[in-house]
Amino acid sequence: MIATEQTLENLTLTINQEIHVQAPLDATFAALLEQLGPGNETPDGKTLNMKIEPWPGGRWYRDMGDGNGHFWANVKAIMQPTLLEFAGPLFASFAFVSNVQYRLSEVAGGTLIAFRHTALGFVPDEHKAGMNKGWAAMHDRVRRHAEAGLQQSASRSTSRK
């Protein structure tokens, strides 16, 4: 057996992202729940069948039907529409525990989402490289979904006049 030395840097992960959304706080939070849950999809547009139970202790998981699936996390804290926090292994099939936090705040022109993913455990380097890209793609879908909803509302109100 070959011993490998692990350092704290090898065993920790921190990803911080800021997402500027041109939509109100409530619409952005709703888009976040939608995109993390039933709207979640692979890069090629296939559904992941994700479910979120949006209350403290609620599950975030992939439902593959017939009692099969993959547990991602529990809702650690939720304060709609300004905070959503998860704790769990997420997508990992290796020793790994994560804390994922979304803090939403009103800013001029819309909403700012401050995202932070911290984790502890063994994460192969190729997985670390993909995580930042994966979260960025997810957050882009949240932004587009929230902003599209705002545009649809504006179109409906303009057409009623």
N, C-alpha and C. Protein backbone atom coordinates (compact mmCIF):
# COMPACT_ATOMS: atom_id res chain seq x y z
N MET A 1 0.84 -1.18 0.00
CA MET A 1 0.00 0.00 0.00
C MET A 1 0.89 1.25 0.00
N ILE A 2 0.58 2.18 -0.83
CA ILE A 2 1.35 3.41 -0.92
C ILE A 2 0.65 4.48 -0.10
N ALA A 3 1.36 5.07 0.81
CA ALA A 3 0.79 6.14 1.64
C ALA A 3 0.84 7.44 0.87
N THR A 4 -0.24 8.18 0.91
CA THR A 4 -0.26 9.50 0.30
C THR A 4 -0.56 10.51 1.38
N GLU A 5 0.19 11.57 1.37
CA GLU A 5 0.00 12.60 2.38
C GLU A 5 -1.09 13.57 1.92
N GLN A 6 -2.08 13.76 2.78
CA GLN A 6 -3.16 14.69 2.48
C GLN A 6 -2.93 15.97 3.29
N THR A 7 -3.10 17.09 2.64
CA THR A 7 -3.02 18.37 3.33
C THR A 7 -4.42 18.94 3.45
N LEU A 8 -4.57 19.94 4.30
CA LEU A 8 -5.86 20.58 4.46
C LEU A 8 -6.34 21.16 3.13
N GLU A 9 -5.42 21.71 2.34
CA GLU A 9 -5.79 22.26 1.03
C GLU A 9 -6.35 21.19 0.11
N ASN A 10 -5.82 19.96 0.20
CA ASN A 10 -6.32 18.86 -0.62
C ASN A 10 -7.72 18.42 -0.18
N LEU A 11 -8.03 18.65 1.07
CA LEU A 11 -9.29 18.13 1.62
C LEU A 11 -10.38 19.18 1.76
N THR A 12 -10.13 20.40 1.36
CA THR A 12 -11.15 21.44 1.46
C THR A 12 -11.44 22.05 0.09
N LEU A 13 -12.63 22.59 0.00
CA LEU A 13 -13.08 23.22 -1.23
C LEU A 13 -13.88 24.46 -0.86
N THR A 14 -13.64 25.54 -1.55
CA THR A 14 -14.45 26.76 -1.37
C THR A 14 -14.70 27.36 -2.74
N ILE A 15 -15.97 27.56 -3.04
CA ILE A 15 -16.38 28.22 -4.29
C ILE A 15 -17.29 29.37 -3.90
N ASN A 16 -16.95 30.57 -4.33
CA ASN A 16 -17.77 31.75 -4.11
C ASN A 16 -18.16 32.31 -5.48
N GLN A 17 -19.42 32.63 -5.64
CA GLN A 17 -19.90 33.26 -6.87
C GLN A 17 -20.93 34.32 -6.51
N GLU A 18 -20.97 35.38 -7.31
CA GLU A 18 -22.02 36.40 -7.20
C GLU A 18 -22.80 36.40 -8.50
N ILE A 19 -24.11 36.37 -8.38
CA ILE A 19 -24.98 36.34 -9.54
C ILE A 19 -25.89 37.56 -9.47
N HIS A 20 -25.81 38.42 -10.48
CA HIS A 20 -26.66 39.61 -10.56
C HIS A 20 -27.85 39.27 -11.43
N VAL A 21 -29.05 39.43 -10.86
CA VAL A 21 -30.29 39.06 -11.55
C VAL A 21 -31.15 40.30 -11.68
N GLN A 22 -31.61 40.57 -12.89
CA GLN A 22 -32.48 41.72 -13.12
C GLN A 22 -33.93 41.29 -12.95
N ALA A 23 -34.26 40.95 -11.71
CA ALA A 23 -35.61 40.53 -11.34
C ALA A 23 -35.77 40.77 -9.84
N PRO A 24 -37.00 40.91 -9.36
CA PRO A 24 -37.23 41.12 -7.93
C PRO A 24 -36.79 39.93 -7.08
N LEU A 25 -36.59 40.18 -5.82
CA LEU A 25 -36.15 39.18 -4.85
C LEU A 25 -37.04 37.93 -4.86
N ASP A 26 -38.36 38.12 -4.76
CA ASP A 26 -39.28 36.96 -4.72
C ASP A 26 -39.19 36.12 -5.97
N ALA A 27 -39.15 36.77 -7.14
CA ALA A 27 -39.07 36.04 -8.40
C ALA A 27 -37.73 35.30 -8.52
N THR A 28 -36.68 35.89 -8.04
CA THR A 28 -35.36 35.26 -8.09
C THR A 28 -35.31 34.05 -7.17
N PHE A 29 -35.88 34.17 -5.98
CA PHE A 29 -35.89 33.04 -5.05
C PHE A 29 -36.71 31.89 -5.63
N ALA A 30 -37.86 32.22 -6.22
CA ALA A 30 -38.70 31.19 -6.85
C ALA A 30 -37.94 30.50 -7.99
N ALA A 31 -37.21 31.28 -8.79
CA ALA A 31 -36.41 30.70 -9.88
C ALA A 31 -35.30 29.81 -9.34
N LEU A 32 -34.71 30.19 -8.22
CA LEU A 32 -33.67 29.38 -7.59
C LEU A 32 -34.23 28.02 -7.19
N LEU A 33 -35.38 28.01 -6.50
CA LEU A 33 -36.01 26.75 -6.09
C LEU A 33 -36.37 25.90 -7.31
N GLU A 34 -36.89 26.53 -8.34
CA GLU A 34 -37.27 25.81 -9.56
C GLU A 34 -36.05 25.18 -10.23
N GLN A 35 -34.98 25.93 -10.36
CA GLN A 35 -33.80 25.43 -11.08
C GLN A 35 -33.00 24.42 -10.27
N LEU A 36 -32.99 24.52 -8.96
CA LEU A 36 -32.33 23.51 -8.13
C LEU A 36 -33.18 22.25 -8.06
N GLY A 37 -34.49 22.41 -8.19
CA GLY A 37 -35.43 21.30 -8.10
C GLY A 37 -35.85 20.78 -9.46
N PRO A 38 -37.15 20.88 -9.77
CA PRO A 38 -37.67 20.25 -10.99
C PRO A 38 -37.10 20.79 -12.30
N GLY A 39 -36.58 22.00 -12.32
CA GLY A 39 -36.00 22.55 -13.54
C GLY A 39 -34.54 22.19 -13.75
N ASN A 40 -33.95 21.47 -12.81
CA ASN A 40 -32.53 21.12 -12.89
C ASN A 40 -32.30 20.14 -14.04
N GLU A 41 -31.26 20.40 -14.81
CA GLU A 41 -31.00 19.55 -15.98
C GLU A 41 -29.51 19.44 -16.26
N THR A 42 -29.18 18.47 -17.09
CA THR A 42 -27.80 18.27 -17.52
C THR A 42 -27.44 19.34 -18.55
N PRO A 43 -26.15 19.49 -18.86
CA PRO A 43 -25.76 20.49 -19.86
C PRO A 43 -26.44 20.28 -21.23
N ASP A 44 -26.81 19.03 -21.54
CA ASP A 44 -27.48 18.78 -22.83
C ASP A 44 -29.00 18.83 -22.72
N GLY A 45 -29.52 19.33 -21.60
CA GLY A 45 -30.96 19.59 -21.47
C GLY A 45 -31.82 18.45 -20.96
N LYS A 46 -31.23 17.38 -20.46
CA LYS A 46 -32.00 16.27 -19.91
C LYS A 46 -32.30 16.54 -18.44
N THR A 47 -33.54 16.27 -18.03
CA THR A 47 -33.92 16.52 -16.64
C THR A 47 -33.15 15.62 -15.68
N LEU A 48 -32.83 16.15 -14.52
CA LEU A 48 -32.18 15.36 -13.47
C LEU A 48 -33.21 14.83 -12.46
N ASN A 49 -34.48 15.20 -12.64
CA ASN A 49 -35.54 14.76 -11.72
C ASN A 49 -35.22 15.10 -10.26
N MET A 50 -34.76 16.33 -10.05
CA MET A 50 -34.41 16.78 -8.71
C MET A 50 -35.65 17.25 -7.97
N LYS A 51 -35.66 17.04 -6.67
CA LYS A 51 -36.74 17.46 -5.79
C LYS A 51 -36.15 18.26 -4.64
N ILE A 52 -36.87 19.31 -4.24
CA ILE A 52 -36.50 20.07 -3.04
C ILE A 52 -37.73 20.17 -2.16
N GLU A 53 -37.53 19.87 -0.89
CA GLU A 53 -38.57 20.09 0.12
C GLU A 53 -38.15 21.37 0.84
N PRO A 54 -38.77 22.53 0.48
CA PRO A 54 -38.27 23.83 0.96
C PRO A 54 -38.70 24.20 2.38
N TRP A 55 -38.20 23.41 3.34
CA TRP A 55 -38.40 23.70 4.76
C TRP A 55 -37.21 23.13 5.53
N PRO A 56 -36.96 23.62 6.75
CA PRO A 56 -35.82 23.12 7.52
C PRO A 56 -35.88 21.59 7.66
N GLY A 57 -34.80 20.93 7.33
CA GLY A 57 -34.74 19.48 7.38
C GLY A 57 -35.23 18.80 6.11
N GLY A 58 -35.82 19.57 5.20
CA GLY A 58 -36.30 19.01 3.94
C GLY A 58 -35.16 18.44 3.12
N ARG A 59 -35.51 17.50 2.26
CA ARG A 59 -34.49 16.84 1.44
C ARG A 59 -34.32 17.55 0.09
N TRP A 60 -33.11 17.45 -0.42
CA TRP A 60 -32.79 17.82 -1.80
C TRP A 60 -32.21 16.55 -2.39
N TYR A 61 -32.91 15.97 -3.37
CA TYR A 61 -32.50 14.67 -3.86
C TYR A 61 -32.91 14.47 -5.32
N ARG A 62 -32.31 13.46 -5.92
CA ARG A 62 -32.64 13.07 -7.29
C ARG A 62 -33.56 11.86 -7.22
N ASP A 63 -34.75 12.01 -7.76
CA ASP A 63 -35.77 10.96 -7.74
C ASP A 63 -35.72 10.20 -9.07
N MET A 64 -35.26 8.97 -9.02
CA MET A 64 -35.14 8.17 -10.23
C MET A 64 -36.29 7.18 -10.38
N GLY A 65 -37.31 7.32 -9.54
CA GLY A 65 -38.50 6.47 -9.63
C GLY A 65 -38.33 5.14 -8.93
N ASP A 66 -39.45 4.52 -8.59
CA ASP A 66 -39.48 3.20 -7.95
C ASP A 66 -38.64 3.12 -6.68
N GLY A 67 -38.57 4.23 -5.93
CA GLY A 67 -37.81 4.25 -4.69
C GLY A 67 -36.31 4.39 -4.88
N ASN A 68 -35.86 4.61 -6.12
CA ASN A 68 -34.44 4.78 -6.41
C ASN A 68 -34.10 6.26 -6.49
N GLY A 69 -32.85 6.58 -6.21
CA GLY A 69 -32.44 7.97 -6.30
C GLY A 69 -31.10 8.21 -5.66
N HIS A 70 -30.82 9.48 -5.44
CA HIS A 70 -29.52 9.90 -4.90
C HIS A 70 -29.78 11.08 -3.97
N PHE A 71 -29.49 10.90 -2.69
CA PHE A 71 -29.64 11.97 -1.70
C PHE A 71 -28.52 12.98 -1.90
N TRP A 72 -28.88 14.27 -1.98
CA TRP A 72 -27.88 15.32 -2.13
C TRP A 72 -27.64 16.06 -0.83
N ALA A 73 -28.70 16.49 -0.15
CA ALA A 73 -28.51 17.30 1.05
C ALA A 73 -29.83 17.48 1.79
N ASN A 74 -29.72 18.03 2.97
CA ASN A 74 -30.89 18.50 3.72
C ASN A 74 -30.87 20.02 3.74
N VAL A 75 -32.06 20.60 3.77
CA VAL A 75 -32.17 22.04 3.94
C VAL A 75 -31.77 22.35 5.37
N LYS A 76 -30.70 23.08 5.52
CA LYS A 76 -30.20 23.44 6.84
C LYS A 76 -30.91 24.68 7.36
N ALA A 77 -31.13 25.65 6.46
CA ALA A 77 -31.82 26.89 6.83
C ALA A 77 -32.54 27.44 5.61
N ILE A 78 -33.70 28.01 5.84
CA ILE A 78 -34.43 28.68 4.78
C ILE A 78 -35.17 29.86 5.38
N MET A 79 -34.99 31.01 4.77
CA MET A 79 -35.67 32.24 5.18
C MET A 79 -36.11 32.90 3.87
N GLN A 80 -37.25 32.47 3.35
CA GLN A 80 -37.70 32.95 2.05
C GLN A 80 -37.99 34.44 2.09
N PRO A 81 -37.51 35.24 1.19
CA PRO A 81 -36.76 34.94 -0.03
C PRO A 81 -35.29 35.34 0.05
N THR A 82 -34.67 35.27 1.25
CA THR A 82 -33.31 35.79 1.35
C THR A 82 -32.23 34.76 1.68
N LEU A 83 -32.59 33.55 2.08
CA LEU A 83 -31.59 32.57 2.48
C LEU A 83 -32.04 31.16 2.15
N LEU A 84 -31.13 30.38 1.57
CA LEU A 84 -31.33 28.95 1.36
C LEU A 84 -29.98 28.29 1.60
N GLU A 85 -29.96 27.33 2.52
CA GLU A 85 -28.70 26.68 2.88
C GLU A 85 -28.91 25.18 2.98
N PHE A 86 -27.95 24.42 2.42
CA PHE A 86 -27.99 22.96 2.41
C PHE A 86 -26.75 22.39 3.07
N ALA A 87 -26.87 21.19 3.63
CA ALA A 87 -25.72 20.43 4.14
C ALA A 87 -25.87 18.99 3.69
N GLY A 88 -24.82 18.44 3.08
CA GLY A 88 -24.89 17.05 2.64
C GLY A 88 -23.79 16.71 1.65
N PRO A 89 -23.83 15.49 1.11
CA PRO A 89 -22.79 15.02 0.20
C PRO A 89 -22.94 15.52 -1.24
N LEU A 90 -24.06 16.12 -1.57
CA LEU A 90 -24.37 16.57 -2.93
C LEU A 90 -24.24 15.42 -3.91
N PHE A 91 -23.57 15.65 -5.02
CA PHE A 91 -23.46 14.70 -6.13
C PHE A 91 -22.34 13.69 -5.93
N ALA A 92 -21.59 13.79 -4.84
CA ALA A 92 -20.38 13.00 -4.67
C ALA A 92 -20.68 11.55 -4.31
N SER A 93 -19.89 10.67 -4.89
CA SER A 93 -19.93 9.25 -4.53
C SER A 93 -18.63 8.86 -3.84
N PHE A 94 -18.10 9.82 -3.09
CA PHE A 94 -16.88 9.61 -2.32
C PHE A 94 -17.05 10.38 -1.01
N ALA A 95 -16.14 10.15 -0.06
CA ALA A 95 -16.22 10.79 1.25
C ALA A 95 -16.13 12.30 1.10
N PHE A 96 -17.27 12.98 1.33
CA PHE A 96 -17.36 14.41 1.01
C PHE A 96 -18.61 14.98 1.68
N VAL A 97 -18.46 16.07 2.40
CA VAL A 97 -19.63 16.73 2.99
C VAL A 97 -19.55 18.21 2.64
N SER A 98 -20.69 18.77 2.29
CA SER A 98 -20.74 20.14 1.80
C SER A 98 -21.71 20.99 2.59
N ASN A 99 -21.44 22.29 2.56
CA ASN A 99 -22.38 23.31 2.99
C ASN A 99 -22.54 24.24 1.80
N VAL A 100 -23.77 24.42 1.35
CA VAL A 100 -24.07 25.28 0.21
C VAL A 100 -25.00 26.37 0.71
N GLN A 101 -24.64 27.62 0.45
CA GLN A 101 -25.42 28.74 0.97
C GLN A 101 -25.71 29.75 -0.14
N TYR A 102 -26.98 30.12 -0.22
CA TYR A 102 -27.43 31.19 -1.11
C TYR A 102 -27.98 32.30 -0.24
N ARG A 103 -27.41 33.49 -0.36
CA ARG A 103 -27.92 34.68 0.31
C ARG A 103 -28.36 35.66 -0.78
N LEU A 104 -29.63 36.04 -0.75
CA LEU A 104 -30.18 36.93 -1.75
C LEU A 104 -30.47 38.28 -1.12
N SER A 105 -30.16 39.34 -1.84
CA SER A 105 -30.44 40.69 -1.35
C SER A 105 -30.87 41.58 -2.50
N GLU A 106 -31.71 42.56 -2.16
CA GLU A 106 -32.15 43.53 -3.16
C GLU A 106 -31.01 44.49 -3.44
N VAL A 107 -30.80 44.77 -4.71
CA VAL A 107 -29.82 45.75 -5.15
C VAL A 107 -30.48 46.57 -6.25
N ALA A 108 -29.86 47.68 -6.60
CA ALA A 108 -30.40 48.50 -7.68
C ALA A 108 -30.52 47.65 -8.94
N GLY A 109 -31.70 47.64 -9.51
CA GLY A 109 -31.94 46.89 -10.74
C GLY A 109 -32.29 45.43 -10.55
N GLY A 110 -32.41 44.96 -9.30
CA GLY A 110 -32.80 43.57 -9.13
C GLY A 110 -32.32 42.93 -7.85
N THR A 111 -31.70 41.76 -8.02
CA THR A 111 -31.30 40.93 -6.89
C THR A 111 -29.85 40.48 -7.05
N LEU A 112 -29.14 40.43 -5.94
CA LEU A 112 -27.79 39.86 -5.91
C LEU A 112 -27.87 38.55 -5.15
N ILE A 113 -27.37 37.48 -5.78
CA ILE A 113 -27.25 36.19 -5.10
C ILE A 113 -25.78 36.01 -4.75
N ALA A 114 -25.50 35.86 -3.46
CA ALA A 114 -24.15 35.52 -3.00
C ALA A 114 -24.16 34.02 -2.71
N PHE A 115 -23.38 33.29 -3.46
CA PHE A 115 -23.31 31.83 -3.37
C PHE A 115 -21.99 31.41 -2.76
N ARG A 116 -22.06 30.43 -1.86
CA ARG A 116 -20.84 29.89 -1.25
C ARG A 116 -21.01 28.39 -1.07
N HIS A 117 -20.06 27.63 -1.62
CA HIS A 117 -20.02 26.19 -1.44
C HIS A 117 -18.71 25.86 -0.75
N THR A 118 -18.80 25.36 0.47
CA THR A 118 -17.62 24.91 1.19
C THR A 118 -17.78 23.41 1.44
N ALA A 119 -16.66 22.70 1.40
CA ALA A 119 -16.74 21.25 1.55
C ALA A 119 -15.46 20.71 2.18
N LEU A 120 -15.60 19.53 2.75
CA LEU A 120 -14.49 18.82 3.35
C LEU A 120 -14.56 17.38 2.89
N GLY A 121 -13.43 16.86 2.45
CA GLY A 121 -13.36 15.47 2.03
C GLY A 121 -12.44 15.33 0.84
N PHE A 122 -12.27 14.10 0.42
CA PHE A 122 -11.39 13.85 -0.72
C PHE A 122 -12.16 14.16 -2.00
N VAL A 123 -11.64 15.08 -2.78
CA VAL A 123 -12.23 15.44 -4.07
C VAL A 123 -11.13 15.35 -5.13
N PRO A 124 -11.28 14.45 -6.07
CA PRO A 124 -10.27 14.38 -7.14
C PRO A 124 -10.19 15.72 -7.88
N ASP A 125 -8.99 16.08 -8.31
CA ASP A 125 -8.79 17.37 -8.97
C ASP A 125 -9.70 17.58 -10.17
N GLU A 126 -9.96 16.52 -10.94
CA GLU A 126 -10.82 16.68 -12.11
C GLU A 126 -12.26 17.05 -11.71
N HIS A 127 -12.70 16.60 -10.53
CA HIS A 127 -14.03 16.97 -10.05
C HIS A 127 -14.05 18.43 -9.59
N LYS A 128 -12.98 18.85 -8.90
CA LYS A 128 -12.90 20.24 -8.44
C LYS A 128 -13.00 21.21 -9.61
N ALA A 129 -12.31 20.89 -10.70
CA ALA A 129 -12.32 21.77 -11.87
C ALA A 129 -13.72 21.90 -12.45
N GLY A 130 -14.47 20.82 -12.44
CA GLY A 130 -15.82 20.85 -13.00
C GLY A 130 -16.87 21.49 -12.12
N MET A 131 -16.65 21.52 -10.81
CA MET A 131 -17.66 22.05 -9.89
C MET A 131 -17.93 23.53 -10.12
N ASN A 132 -16.89 24.31 -10.26
CA ASN A 132 -17.06 25.75 -10.48
C ASN A 132 -17.87 26.00 -11.75
N LYS A 133 -17.56 25.27 -12.82
CA LYS A 133 -18.29 25.39 -14.08
C LYS A 133 -19.74 24.93 -13.92
N GLY A 134 -19.93 23.85 -13.20
CA GLY A 134 -21.28 23.34 -12.98
C GLY A 134 -22.16 24.31 -12.23
N TRP A 135 -21.62 24.89 -11.15
CA TRP A 135 -22.39 25.88 -10.40
C TRP A 135 -22.67 27.11 -11.25
N ALA A 136 -21.68 27.55 -12.02
CA ALA A 136 -21.87 28.74 -12.88
C ALA A 136 -22.98 28.49 -13.89
N ALA A 137 -23.03 27.30 -14.48
CA ALA A 137 -24.09 26.97 -15.43
C ALA A 137 -25.45 26.96 -14.74
N MET A 138 -25.50 26.39 -13.54
CA MET A 138 -26.75 26.37 -12.77
C MET A 138 -27.22 27.80 -12.48
N HIS A 139 -26.30 28.64 -12.06
CA HIS A 139 -26.66 30.01 -11.69
C HIS A 139 -27.07 30.83 -12.91
N ASP A 140 -26.51 30.53 -14.05
CA ASP A 140 -26.93 31.20 -15.28
C ASP A 140 -28.38 30.82 -15.61
N ARG A 141 -28.73 29.55 -15.40
CA ARG A 141 -30.13 29.12 -15.63
C ARG A 141 -31.07 29.80 -14.65
N VAL A 142 -30.66 29.96 -13.39
CA VAL A 142 -31.48 30.67 -12.40
C VAL A 142 -31.71 32.11 -12.86
N ARG A 143 -30.64 32.78 -13.25
CA ARG A 143 -30.75 34.18 -13.70
C ARG A 143 -31.69 34.29 -14.90
N ARG A 144 -31.46 33.46 -15.91
CA ARG A 144 -32.29 33.51 -17.12
C ARG A 144 -33.75 33.22 -16.81
N HIS A 145 -34.00 32.24 -15.94
CA HIS A 145 -35.38 31.87 -15.57
C HIS A 145 -36.07 33.02 -14.86
N ALA A 146 -35.40 33.65 -13.90
CA ALA A 146 -35.99 34.77 -13.16
C ALA A 146 -36.24 35.95 -14.09
N GLU A 147 -35.27 36.27 -14.94
CA GLU A 147 -35.41 37.41 -15.84
C GLU A 147 -36.46 37.14 -16.92
N ALA A 148 -36.58 35.90 -17.38
CA ALA A 148 -37.62 35.56 -18.38
C ALA A 148 -39.01 35.70 -17.76
N GLY A 149 -39.15 35.30 -16.50
CA GLY A 149 -40.44 35.46 -15.82
C GLY A 149 -40.82 36.92 -15.69
N LEU A 150 -39.84 37.76 -15.43
CA LEU A 150 -40.09 39.19 -15.32
C LEU A 150 -40.51 39.77 -16.67
N GLN A 151 -39.85 39.34 -17.74
CA GLN A 151 -40.20 39.81 -19.08
C GLN A 151 -41.60 39.35 -19.47
N GLN A 152 -41.97 38.13 -19.11
CA GLN A 152 -43.31 37.63 -19.41
C GLN A 152 -44.36 38.43 -18.67
N SER A 153 -44.09 38.77 -17.40
CA SER A 153 -45.03 39.59 -16.62
C SER A 153 -45.18 40.96 -17.26
N ALA A 154 -44.08 41.55 -17.71
CA ALA A 154 -44.13 42.88 -18.33
C ALA A 154 -44.92 42.82 -19.63
N SER A 155 -44.75 41.75 -20.41
CA SER A 155 -45.49 41.59 -21.67
C SER A 155 -46.98 41.44 -21.42
N ARG A 156 -47.35 40.68 -20.40
CA ARG A 156 -48.76 40.50 -20.07
C ARG A 156 -49.40 41.80 -19.63
N SER A 157 -48.70 42.57 -18.80
CA SER A 157 -49.28 43.83 -18.32
C SER A 157 -49.36 44.88 -19.43
N THR A 158 -48.41 44.86 -20.37
CA THR A 158 -48.44 45.78 -21.50
C THR A 158 -49.57 45.42 -22.46
N SER A 159 -49.80 44.12 -22.66
CA SER A 159 -50.84 43.71 -23.60
C SER A 159 -52.24 43.96 -23.06
N ARG A 160 -52.41 44.13 -21.75
CA ARG A 160 -53.72 44.39 -21.15
C ARG A 160 -54.12 45.85 -21.26
N LYS A 161 -53.18 46.71 -21.57
CA LYS A 161 -53.48 48.15 -21.60
C LYS A 161 -54.21 48.52 -22.86
